[in-house]
Each structure stands twice: as C-alpha cells, then as structure tokens.
PDB file of N, CA and C in Angstrom:
ATOM      1  N   MET A   1       0.839  -1.177   0.000  1.00  0.00           N
ATOM      2  CA  MET A   1       0.000   0.000   0.000  1.00  0.00           C
ATOM      3  C   MET A   1       0.884   1.241   0.000  1.00  0.00           C
ATOM      4  N   ILE A   2       0.673   2.113  -0.939  1.00  0.00           N
ATOM      5  CA  ILE A   2       1.412   3.370  -0.998  1.00  0.00           C
ATOM      6  C   ILE A   2       0.545   4.432  -0.343  1.00  0.00           C
ATOM      7  N   GLN A   3       1.139   5.120   0.620  1.00  0.00           N
ATOM      8  CA  GLN A   3       0.388   6.142   1.345  1.00  0.00           C
ATOM      9  C   GLN A   3       1.241   7.394   1.487  1.00  0.00           C
ATOM     10  N   GLU A   4       0.642   8.545   1.227  1.00  0.00           N
ATOM     11  CA  GLU A   4       1.311   9.844   1.382  1.00  0.00           C
ATOM     12  C   GLU A   4       1.297  10.233   2.860  1.00  0.00           C
ATOM     13  N   LEU A   5       2.442  10.670   3.363  1.00  0.00           N
ATOM     14  CA  LEU A   5       2.551  11.124   4.743  1.00  0.00           C
ATOM     15  C   LEU A   5       3.127  12.527   4.797  1.00  0.00           C
ATOM     16  N   ASP A   6       2.835  13.223   5.890  1.00  0.00           N
ATOM     17  CA  ASP A   6       3.546  14.454   6.215  1.00  0.00           C
ATOM     18  C   ASP A   6       4.324  14.175   7.502  1.00  0.00           C
ATOM     19  N   THR A   7       4.988  15.189   8.040  1.00  0.00           N
ATOM     20  CA  THR A   7       5.814  14.992   9.230  1.00  0.00           C
ATOM     21  C   THR A   7       4.997  14.432  10.380  1.00  0.00           C
ATOM     22  N   ASN A   8       3.825  14.987  10.627  1.00  0.00           N
ATOM     23  CA  ASN A   8       2.977  14.532  11.722  1.00  0.00           C
ATOM     24  C   ASN A   8       2.563  13.075  11.512  1.00  0.00           C
ATOM     25  N   GLY A   9       2.169  12.732  10.299  1.00  0.00           N
ATOM     26  CA  GLY A   9       1.786  11.356   9.990  1.00  0.00           C
ATOM     27  C   GLY A   9       2.932  10.385  10.183  1.00  0.00           C
ATOM     28  N   PHE A  10       4.131  10.789   9.792  1.00  0.00           N
ATOM     29  CA  PHE A  10       5.304   9.939   9.968  1.00  0.00           C
ATOM     30  C   PHE A  10       5.575   9.729  11.450  1.00  0.00           C
ATOM     31  N   ASP A  11       5.497  10.798  12.237  1.00  0.00           N
ATOM     32  CA  ASP A  11       5.780  10.696  13.668  1.00  0.00           C
ATOM     33  C   ASP A  11       4.769   9.805  14.388  1.00  0.00           C
ATOM     34  N   GLN A  12       3.532   9.763  13.903  1.00  0.00           N
ATOM     35  CA  GLN A  12       2.486   8.953  14.540  1.00  0.00           C
ATOM     36  C   GLN A  12       2.418   7.528  13.991  1.00  0.00           C
ATOM     37  N   LEU A  13       3.190   7.248  12.964  1.00  0.00           N
ATOM     38  CA  LEU A  13       3.174   5.954  12.305  1.00  0.00           C
ATOM     39  C   LEU A  13       3.691   4.850  13.226  1.00  0.00           C
ATOM     40  N   ASP A  14       3.003   3.718  13.224  1.00  0.00           N
ATOM     41  CA  ASP A  14       3.504   2.530  13.921  1.00  0.00           C
ATOM     42  C   ASP A  14       4.667   1.993  13.092  1.00  0.00           C
ATOM     43  N   LYS A  15       5.863   2.094  13.628  1.00  0.00           N
ATOM     44  CA  LYS A  15       7.053   1.741  12.852  1.00  0.00           C
ATOM     45  C   LYS A  15       7.531   0.313  13.114  1.00  0.00           C
ATOM     46  N   SER A  16       6.679  -0.517  13.714  1.00  0.00           N
ATOM     47  CA  SER A  16       7.075  -1.910  13.896  1.00  0.00           C
ATOM     48  C   SER A  16       7.004  -2.615  12.540  1.00  0.00           C
ATOM     49  N   GLY A  17       7.886  -3.562  12.354  1.00  0.00           N
ATOM     50  CA  GLY A  17       7.936  -4.272  11.075  1.00  0.00           C
ATOM     51  C   GLY A  17       8.802  -3.543  10.066  1.00  0.00           C
ATOM     52  N   SER A  18       8.636  -3.907   8.807  1.00  0.00           N
ATOM     53  CA  SER A  18       9.453  -3.363   7.714  1.00  0.00           C
ATOM     54  C   SER A  18       8.619  -2.433   6.853  1.00  0.00           C
ATOM     55  N   MET A  19       9.273  -1.388   6.326  1.00  0.00           N
ATOM     56  CA  MET A  19       8.597  -0.430   5.457  1.00  0.00           C
ATOM     57  C   MET A  19       9.618   0.365   4.659  1.00  0.00           C
ATOM     58  N   MET A  20       9.120   1.054   3.643  1.00  0.00           N
ATOM     59  CA  MET A  20       9.951   1.953   2.857  1.00  0.00           C
ATOM     60  C   MET A  20       9.328   3.343   2.891  1.00  0.00           C
ATOM     61  N   VAL A  21      10.187   4.351   3.024  1.00  0.00           N
ATOM     62  CA  VAL A  21       9.750   5.749   2.994  1.00  0.00           C
ATOM     63  C   VAL A  21      10.511   6.430   1.867  1.00  0.00           C
ATOM     64  N   GLU A  22       9.760   6.989   0.910  1.00  0.00           N
ATOM     65  CA  GLU A  22      10.388   7.671  -0.221  1.00  0.00           C
ATOM     66  C   GLU A  22      10.134   9.169  -0.114  1.00  0.00           C
ATOM     67  N   PHE A  23      11.205   9.943  -0.205  1.00  0.00           N
ATOM     68  CA  PHE A  23      11.095  11.401  -0.287  1.00  0.00           C
ATOM     69  C   PHE A  23      11.150  11.789  -1.757  1.00  0.00           C
ATOM     70  N   TYR A  24      10.226  12.644  -2.172  1.00  0.00           N
ATOM     71  CA  TYR A  24      10.132  13.057  -3.566  1.00  0.00           C
ATOM     72  C   TYR A  24       9.834  14.550  -3.633  1.00  0.00           C
ATOM     73  N   SER A  25       9.950  15.093  -4.833  1.00  0.00           N
ATOM     74  CA  SER A  25       9.536  16.467  -5.090  1.00  0.00           C
ATOM     75  C   SER A  25       8.602  16.457  -6.293  1.00  0.00           C
ATOM     76  N   LYS A  26       7.577  17.289  -6.246  1.00  0.00           N
ATOM     77  CA  LYS A  26       6.596  17.352  -7.327  1.00  0.00           C
ATOM     78  C   LYS A  26       7.214  17.842  -8.645  1.00  0.00           C
ATOM     79  N   VAL A  27       8.342  18.551  -8.577  1.00  0.00           N
ATOM     80  CA  VAL A  27       8.973  19.088  -9.783  1.00  0.00           C
ATOM     81  C   VAL A  27      10.122  18.213 -10.284  1.00  0.00           C
ATOM     82  N   CYS A  28      10.295  17.054  -9.711  1.00  0.00           N
ATOM     83  CA  CYS A  28      11.426  16.165 -10.011  1.00  0.00           C
ATOM     84  C   CYS A  28      11.022  15.116 -11.045  1.00  0.00           C
ATOM     85  N   GLY A  29      11.647  15.153 -12.217  1.00  0.00           N
ATOM     86  CA  GLY A  29      11.374  14.169 -13.264  1.00  0.00           C
ATOM     87  C   GLY A  29      11.656  12.741 -12.835  1.00  0.00           C
ATOM     88  N   PRO A  30      12.857  12.460 -12.272  1.00  0.00           N
ATOM     89  CA  PRO A  30      13.133  11.097 -11.814  1.00  0.00           C
ATOM     90  C   PRO A  30      12.140  10.617 -10.744  1.00  0.00           C
ATOM     91  N   CYS A  31      11.654  11.537  -9.905  1.00  0.00           N
ATOM     92  CA  CYS A  31      10.663  11.162  -8.881  1.00  0.00           C
ATOM     93  C   CYS A  31       9.379  10.689  -9.541  1.00  0.00           C
ATOM     94  N   LYS A  32       8.978  11.359 -10.614  1.00  0.00           N
ATOM     95  CA  LYS A  32       7.754  10.976 -11.316  1.00  0.00           C
ATOM     96  C   LYS A  32       7.919   9.599 -11.960  1.00  0.00           C
ATOM     97  N   MET A  33       9.101   9.327 -12.513  1.00  0.00           N
ATOM     98  CA  MET A  33       9.349   8.009 -13.101  1.00  0.00           C
ATOM     99  C   MET A  33       9.398   6.937 -12.020  1.00  0.00           C
ATOM    100  N   LEU A  34       9.985   7.267 -10.871  1.00  0.00           N
ATOM    101  CA  LEU A  34      10.056   6.316  -9.765  1.00  0.00           C
ATOM    102  C   LEU A  34       8.660   5.969  -9.250  1.00  0.00           C
ATOM    103  N   ALA A  35       7.737   6.905  -9.310  1.00  0.00           N
ATOM    104  CA  ALA A  35       6.366   6.645  -8.860  1.00  0.00           C
ATOM    105  C   ALA A  35       5.756   5.468  -9.626  1.00  0.00           C
ATOM    106  N   PHE A  36       6.047   5.358 -10.926  1.00  0.00           N
ATOM    107  CA  PHE A  36       5.546   4.234 -11.718  1.00  0.00           C
ATOM    108  C   PHE A  36       6.155   2.921 -11.232  1.00  0.00           C
ATOM    109  N   VAL A  37       7.454   2.946 -10.940  1.00  0.00           N
ATOM    110  CA  VAL A  37       8.142   1.749 -10.450  1.00  0.00           C
ATOM    111  C   VAL A  37       7.547   1.335  -9.109  1.00  0.00           C
ATOM    112  N   LEU A  38       7.314   2.294  -8.217  1.00  0.00           N
ATOM    113  CA  LEU A  38       6.769   1.972  -6.897  1.00  0.00           C
ATOM    114  C   LEU A  38       5.357   1.412  -6.994  1.00  0.00           C
ATOM    115  N   ARG A  39       4.558   1.928  -7.913  1.00  0.00           N
ATOM    116  CA  ARG A  39       3.206   1.373  -8.091  1.00  0.00           C
ATOM    117  C   ARG A  39       3.276  -0.081  -8.561  1.00  0.00           C
ATOM    118  N   ASP A  40       4.240  -0.386  -9.419  1.00  0.00           N
ATOM    119  CA  ASP A  40       4.423  -1.753  -9.890  1.00  0.00           C
ATOM    120  C   ASP A  40       4.848  -2.657  -8.729  1.00  0.00           C
ATOM    121  N   ILE A  41       5.761  -2.170  -7.904  1.00  0.00           N
ATOM    122  CA  ILE A  41       6.200  -2.941  -6.732  1.00  0.00           C
ATOM    123  C   ILE A  41       5.036  -3.139  -5.771  1.00  0.00           C
ATOM    124  N   ASP A  42       4.212  -2.112  -5.603  1.00  0.00           N
ATOM    125  CA  ASP A  42       3.055  -2.209  -4.713  1.00  0.00           C
ATOM    126  C   ASP A  42       2.103  -3.309  -5.169  1.00  0.00           C
ATOM    127  N   LYS A  43       1.945  -3.469  -6.459  1.00  0.00           N
ATOM    128  CA  LYS A  43       1.096  -4.548  -6.991  1.00  0.00           C
ATOM    129  C   LYS A  43       1.706  -5.918  -6.695  1.00  0.00           C
ATOM    130  N   ALA A  44       3.043  -6.017  -6.793  1.00  0.00           N
ATOM    131  CA  ALA A  44       3.737  -7.281  -6.568  1.00  0.00           C
ATOM    132  C   ALA A  44       3.849  -7.620  -5.084  1.00  0.00           C
ATOM    133  N   LYS A  45       3.903  -6.591  -4.236  1.00  0.00           N
ATOM    134  CA  LYS A  45       4.063  -6.789  -2.791  1.00  0.00           C
ATOM    135  C   LYS A  45       3.021  -5.942  -2.052  1.00  0.00           C
ATOM    136  N   PRO A  46       1.738  -6.292  -2.195  1.00  0.00           N
ATOM    137  CA  PRO A  46       0.682  -5.441  -1.643  1.00  0.00           C
ATOM    138  C   PRO A  46       0.694  -5.328  -0.118  1.00  0.00           C
ATOM    139  N   ASP A  47       1.322  -6.250   0.577  1.00  0.00           N
ATOM    140  CA  ASP A  47       1.354  -6.197   2.042  1.00  0.00           C
ATOM    141  C   ASP A  47       2.541  -5.408   2.583  1.00  0.00           C
ATOM    142  N   PHE A  48       3.438  -4.978   1.688  1.00  0.00           N
ATOM    143  CA  PHE A  48       4.607  -4.211   2.127  1.00  0.00           C
ATOM    144  C   PHE A  48       4.262  -2.725   2.100  1.00  0.00           C
ATOM    145  N   PRO A  49       4.361  -2.046   3.253  1.00  0.00           N
ATOM    146  CA  PRO A  49       3.988  -0.625   3.285  1.00  0.00           C
ATOM    147  C   PRO A  49       5.035   0.279   2.631  1.00  0.00           C
ATOM    148  N   ILE A  50       4.560   1.110   1.714  1.00  0.00           N
ATOM    149  CA  ILE A  50       5.389   2.115   1.051  1.00  0.00           C
ATOM    150  C   ILE A  50       4.769   3.473   1.363  1.00  0.00           C
ATOM    151  N   TYR A  51       5.581   4.367   1.902  1.00  0.00           N
ATOM    152  CA  TYR A  51       5.115   5.709   2.242  1.00  0.00           C
ATOM    153  C   TYR A  51       5.883   6.720   1.409  1.00  0.00           C
ATOM    154  N   THR A  52       5.194   7.769   0.970  1.00  0.00           N
ATOM    155  CA  THR A  52       5.841   8.844   0.238  1.00  0.00           C
ATOM    156  C   THR A  52       5.690  10.136   1.022  1.00  0.00           C
ATOM    157  N   ILE A  53       6.742  10.940   0.994  1.00  0.00           N
ATOM    158  CA  ILE A  53       6.764  12.208   1.725  1.00  0.00           C
ATOM    159  C   ILE A  53       7.290  13.287   0.796  1.00  0.00           C
ATOM    160  N   ASP A  54       6.560  14.387   0.715  1.00  0.00           N
ATOM    161  CA  ASP A  54       6.969  15.519  -0.123  1.00  0.00           C
ATOM    162  C   ASP A  54       8.172  16.212   0.522  1.00  0.00           C
ATOM    163  N   PHE A  55       9.291  16.180  -0.185  1.00  0.00           N
ATOM    164  CA  PHE A  55      10.554  16.747   0.276  1.00  0.00           C
ATOM    165  C   PHE A  55      10.409  18.233   0.594  1.00  0.00           C
ATOM    166  N   ASP A  56       9.697  18.951  -0.258  1.00  0.00           N
ATOM    167  CA  ASP A  56       9.611  20.402  -0.136  1.00  0.00           C
ATOM    168  C   ASP A  56       8.687  20.862   0.987  1.00  0.00           C
ATOM    169  N   GLU A  57       7.717  20.034   1.361  1.00  0.00           N
ATOM    170  CA  GLU A  57       6.738  20.433   2.362  1.00  0.00           C
ATOM    171  C   GLU A  57       7.033  19.903   3.766  1.00  0.00           C
ATOM    172  N   ASN A  58       8.103  19.137   3.929  1.00  0.00           N
ATOM    173  CA  ASN A  58       8.417  18.515   5.227  1.00  0.00           C
ATOM    174  C   ASN A  58       9.882  18.725   5.575  1.00  0.00           C
ATOM    175  N   LYS A  59      10.275  19.981   5.624  1.00  0.00           N
ATOM    176  CA  LYS A  59      11.683  20.339   5.817  1.00  0.00           C
ATOM    177  C   LYS A  59      12.246  19.837   7.142  1.00  0.00           C
ATOM    178  N   GLU A  60      11.473  19.941   8.219  1.00  0.00           N
ATOM    179  CA  GLU A  60      11.975  19.506   9.530  1.00  0.00           C
ATOM    180  C   GLU A  60      12.242  18.003   9.523  1.00  0.00           C
ATOM    181  N   LEU A  61      11.346  17.228   8.924  1.00  0.00           N
ATOM    182  CA  LEU A  61      11.512  15.775   8.888  1.00  0.00           C
ATOM    183  C   LEU A  61      12.700  15.383   8.025  1.00  0.00           C
ATOM    184  N   LYS A  62      12.855  16.007   6.873  1.00  0.00           N
ATOM    185  CA  LYS A  62      13.985  15.641   6.005  1.00  0.00           C
ATOM    186  C   LYS A  62      15.305  15.965   6.687  1.00  0.00           C
ATOM    187  N   GLU A  63      15.363  17.064   7.429  1.00  0.00           N
ATOM    188  CA  GLU A  63      16.592  17.393   8.161  1.00  0.00           C
ATOM    189  C   GLU A  63      16.841  16.395   9.284  1.00  0.00           C
ATOM    190  N   ARG A  64      15.786  16.023   9.990  1.00  0.00           N
ATOM    191  CA  ARG A  64      15.923  15.066  11.096  1.00  0.00           C
ATOM    192  C   ARG A  64      16.415  13.714  10.602  1.00  0.00           C
ATOM    193  N   LEU A  65      15.962  13.303   9.402  1.00  0.00           N
ATOM    194  CA  LEU A  65      16.353  12.006   8.848  1.00  0.00           C
ATOM    195  C   LEU A  65      17.605  12.084   7.971  1.00  0.00           C
ATOM    196  N   GLY A  66      18.166  13.275   7.816  1.00  0.00           N
ATOM    197  CA  GLY A  66      19.389  13.423   7.028  1.00  0.00           C
ATOM    198  C   GLY A  66      19.172  13.257   5.533  1.00  0.00           C
ATOM    199  N   VAL A  67      17.998  13.631   5.061  1.00  0.00           N
ATOM    200  CA  VAL A  67      17.684  13.528   3.632  1.00  0.00           C
ATOM    201  C   VAL A  67      18.147  14.812   2.958  1.00  0.00           C
ATOM    202  N   LYS A  68      19.066  14.671   2.003  1.00  0.00           N
ATOM    203  CA  LYS A  68      19.668  15.837   1.351  1.00  0.00           C
ATOM    204  C   LYS A  68      19.149  16.088  -0.060  1.00  0.00           C
ATOM    205  N   GLY A  69      18.561  15.081  -0.677  1.00  0.00           N
ATOM    206  CA  GLY A  69      18.103  15.217  -2.055  1.00  0.00           C
ATOM    207  C   GLY A  69      16.929  14.310  -2.314  1.00  0.00           C
ATOM    208  N   PHE A  70      16.576  14.185  -3.579  1.00  0.00           N
ATOM    209  CA  PHE A  70      15.434  13.345  -3.954  1.00  0.00           C
ATOM    210  C   PHE A  70      15.614  12.851  -5.375  1.00  0.00           C
ATOM    211  N   PRO A  71      15.008  11.733  -5.744  1.00  0.00           N
ATOM    212  CA  PRO A  71      14.291  10.839  -4.859  1.00  0.00           C
ATOM    213  C   PRO A  71      15.260  10.056  -3.978  1.00  0.00           C
ATOM    214  N   ILE A  72      14.798   9.723  -2.819  1.00  0.00           N
ATOM    215  CA  ILE A  72      15.581   8.901  -1.898  1.00  0.00           C
ATOM    216  C   ILE A  72      14.623   7.961  -1.184  1.00  0.00           C
ATOM    217  N   MET A  73      15.035   6.727  -1.039  1.00  0.00           N
ATOM    218  CA  MET A  73      14.216   5.713  -0.378  1.00  0.00           C
ATOM    219  C   MET A  73      14.920   5.243   0.877  1.00  0.00           C
ATOM    220  N   LEU A  74      14.221   5.336   1.996  1.00  0.00           N
ATOM    221  CA  LEU A  74      14.729   4.842   3.272  1.00  0.00           C
ATOM    222  C   LEU A  74      14.012   3.538   3.579  1.00  0.00           C
ATOM    223  N   PHE A  75      14.766   2.519   3.920  1.00  0.00           N
ATOM    224  CA  PHE A  75      14.200   1.220   4.277  1.00  0.00           C
ATOM    225  C   PHE A  75      14.334   1.067   5.784  1.00  0.00           C
ATOM    226  N   LEU A  76      13.198   0.900   6.448  1.00  0.00           N
ATOM    227  CA  LEU A  76      13.158   0.853   7.908  1.00  0.00           C
ATOM    228  C   LEU A  76      12.700  -0.513   8.382  1.00  0.00           C
ATOM    229  N   LYS A  77      13.318  -0.966   9.466  1.00  0.00           N
ATOM    230  CA  LYS A  77      12.884  -2.196  10.135  1.00  0.00           C
ATOM    231  C   LYS A  77      12.755  -1.863  11.613  1.00  0.00           C
ATOM    232  N   ASP A  78      11.554  -2.012  12.128  1.00  0.00           N
ATOM    233  CA  ASP A  78      11.245  -1.686  13.527  1.00  0.00           C
ATOM    234  C   ASP A  78      11.719  -0.279  13.893  1.00  0.00           C
ATOM    235  N   GLY A  79      11.505   0.661  12.975  1.00  0.00           N
ATOM    236  CA  GLY A  79      11.806   2.064  13.225  1.00  0.00           C
ATOM    237  C   GLY A  79      13.244   2.481  12.988  1.00  0.00           C
ATOM    238  N   GLU A  80      14.112   1.536  12.678  1.00  0.00           N
ATOM    239  CA  GLU A  80      15.527   1.835  12.446  1.00  0.00           C
ATOM    240  C   GLU A  80      15.838   1.772  10.956  1.00  0.00           C
ATOM    241  N   GLU A  81      16.561   2.761  10.461  1.00  0.00           N
ATOM    242  CA  GLU A  81      16.970   2.744   9.056  1.00  0.00           C
ATOM    243  C   GLU A  81      18.025   1.666   8.858  1.00  0.00           C
ATOM    244  N   VAL A  82      17.774   0.772   7.893  1.00  0.00           N
ATOM    245  CA  VAL A  82      18.721  -0.303   7.607  1.00  0.00           C
ATOM    246  C   VAL A  82      19.331  -0.193   6.217  1.00  0.00           C
ATOM    247  N   ASN A  83      18.728   0.660   5.375  1.00  0.00           N
ATOM    248  CA  ASN A  83      19.262   0.850   4.027  1.00  0.00           C
ATOM    249  C   ASN A  83      18.719   2.165   3.476  1.00  0.00           C
ATOM    250  N   ARG A  84      19.463   2.727   2.536  1.00  0.00           N
ATOM    251  CA  ARG A  84      19.075   3.982   1.896  1.00  0.00           C
ATOM    252  C   ARG A  84      19.537   3.916   0.449  1.00  0.00           C
ATOM    253  N   ILE A  85      18.619   4.205  -0.465  1.00  0.00           N
ATOM    254  CA  ILE A  85      18.950   4.212  -1.888  1.00  0.00           C
ATOM    255  C   ILE A  85      18.574   5.583  -2.440  1.00  0.00           C
ATOM    256  N   THR A  86      19.523   6.204  -3.131  1.00  0.00           N
ATOM    257  CA  THR A  86      19.310   7.532  -3.689  1.00  0.00           C
ATOM    258  C   THR A  86      19.181   7.449  -5.206  1.00  0.00           C
ATOM    259  N   GLY A  87      18.280   8.256  -5.747  1.00  0.00           N
ATOM    260  CA  GLY A  87      18.150   8.355  -7.193  1.00  0.00           C
ATOM    261  C   GLY A  87      17.153   7.373  -7.769  1.00  0.00           C
ATOM    262  N   LEU A  88      16.873   7.570  -9.048  1.00  0.00           N
ATOM    263  CA  LEU A  88      15.956   6.700  -9.766  1.00  0.00           C
ATOM    264  C   LEU A  88      16.566   5.304  -9.861  1.00  0.00           C
ATOM    265  N   GLN A  89      15.802   4.311  -9.460  1.00  0.00           N
ATOM    266  CA  GLN A  89      16.257   2.922  -9.493  1.00  0.00           C
ATOM    267  C   GLN A  89      15.228   2.088 -10.243  1.00  0.00           C
ATOM    268  N   GLN A  90      15.683   0.978 -10.757  1.00  0.00           N
ATOM    269  CA  GLN A  90      14.783   0.047 -11.423  1.00  0.00           C
ATOM    270  C   GLN A  90      14.202  -0.918 -10.394  1.00  0.00           C
ATOM    271  N   LYS A  91      13.127  -1.561 -10.768  1.00  0.00           N
ATOM    272  CA  LYS A  91      12.392  -2.451  -9.872  1.00  0.00           C
ATOM    273  C   LYS A  91      13.271  -3.513  -9.206  1.00  0.00           C
ATOM    274  N   PRO A  92      14.175  -4.218  -9.919  1.00  0.00           N
ATOM    275  CA  PRO A  92      14.953  -5.274  -9.262  1.00  0.00           C
ATOM    276  C   PRO A  92      15.791  -4.779  -8.076  1.00  0.00           C
ATOM    277  N   ALA A  93      16.376  -3.599  -8.187  1.00  0.00           N
ATOM    278  CA  ALA A  93      17.193  -3.077  -7.090  1.00  0.00           C
ATOM    279  C   ALA A  93      16.342  -2.756  -5.858  1.00  0.00           C
ATOM    280  N   ILE A  94      15.150  -2.219  -6.089  1.00  0.00           N
ATOM    281  CA  ILE A  94      14.265  -1.867  -4.979  1.00  0.00           C
ATOM    282  C   ILE A  94      13.692  -3.129  -4.341  1.00  0.00           C
ATOM    283  N   VAL A  95      13.277  -4.085  -5.165  1.00  0.00           N
ATOM    284  CA  VAL A  95      12.741  -5.345  -4.632  1.00  0.00           C
ATOM    285  C   VAL A  95      13.811  -6.066  -3.813  1.00  0.00           C
ATOM    286  N   LYS A  96      15.057  -6.044  -4.266  1.00  0.00           N
ATOM    287  CA  LYS A  96      16.143  -6.670  -3.519  1.00  0.00           C
ATOM    288  C   LYS A  96      16.285  -6.017  -2.144  1.00  0.00           C
ATOM    289  N   ALA A  97      16.232  -4.700  -2.086  1.00  0.00           N
ATOM    290  CA  ALA A  97      16.343  -3.997  -0.800  1.00  0.00           C
ATOM    291  C   ALA A  97      15.160  -4.332   0.112  1.00  0.00           C
ATOM    292  N   ILE A  98      13.976  -4.465  -0.467  1.00  0.00           N
ATOM    293  CA  ILE A  98      12.798  -4.851   0.327  1.00  0.00           C
ATOM    294  C   ILE A  98      12.972  -6.265   0.849  1.00  0.00           C
ATOM    295  N   ASP A  99      13.359  -7.193  -0.010  1.00  0.00           N
ATOM    296  CA  ASP A  99      13.512  -8.588   0.404  1.00  0.00           C
ATOM    297  C   ASP A  99      14.541  -8.742   1.518  1.00  0.00           C
ATOM    298  N   GLU A 100      15.548  -7.880   1.537  1.00  0.00           N
ATOM    299  CA  GLU A 100      16.584  -7.960   2.573  1.00  0.00           C
ATOM    300  C   GLU A 100      16.071  -7.595   3.960  1.00  0.00           C
ATOM    301  N   ILE A 101      14.960  -6.850   4.034  1.00  0.00           N
ATOM    302  CA  ILE A 101      14.464  -6.444   5.362  1.00  0.00           C
ATOM    303  C   ILE A 101      13.198  -7.209   5.768  1.00  0.00           C
ATOM    304  N   LEU A 102      12.708  -8.080   4.901  1.00  0.00           N
ATOM    305  CA  LEU A 102      11.511  -8.853   5.257  1.00  0.00           C
ATOM    306  C   LEU A 102      11.882 -10.095   6.051  1.00  0.00           C
TER     307      LEU A 102
END
C-alpha cells in the first residue's frame, strides 16, 4: 500500500515491522518516473507498506532524517533505518532492498 505522509503522519506511524519511505519532489522528473516503479512494486508486494513524503513540504523531517536530495528511499525495520537508496532505481534493485528487510 502506498500512502502519502507528512511529518505529523510519519511521527504517529507505527514503525514496527518493515517499510519503505520515499522522499520526492513534485517538480522532479526522476521522482515521477520512480512513482511508476513503486506502483508496480506495490502490486507485486501489496502487504509491504510504502510511504511517500513531499521533500519540499516537510523540511523539519527531512533534516531530522538526514535527507539531502530526492528521490531517496529509506528502508526501515522496527523504526531503524537499515538501508538507503538515492536516485531513480529500477524495480529489481528496490525489490532486492525490500527482500533484505523482510
């Protein structure tokens, strides 16, 4: 399930288990292409939570998490970051990162 979050939503999120958080910008071409890849992954792994956060509208959260650019995907397990992938990636690389934390 892909769900849009803001800082407040992220802070209230139950972070137990595994999940991916993607920071994007509405004006970013690679972010728009990555959205298609993430939708495809969501179809293949419907029980894996994918969250998206607008980089430009959540400055405090991006600073707290050390996010410097976009697109960037943070892979979390029980609230701890275990992997980070920057830039447009193809489905196999993202699925591999997901499989490593499941």
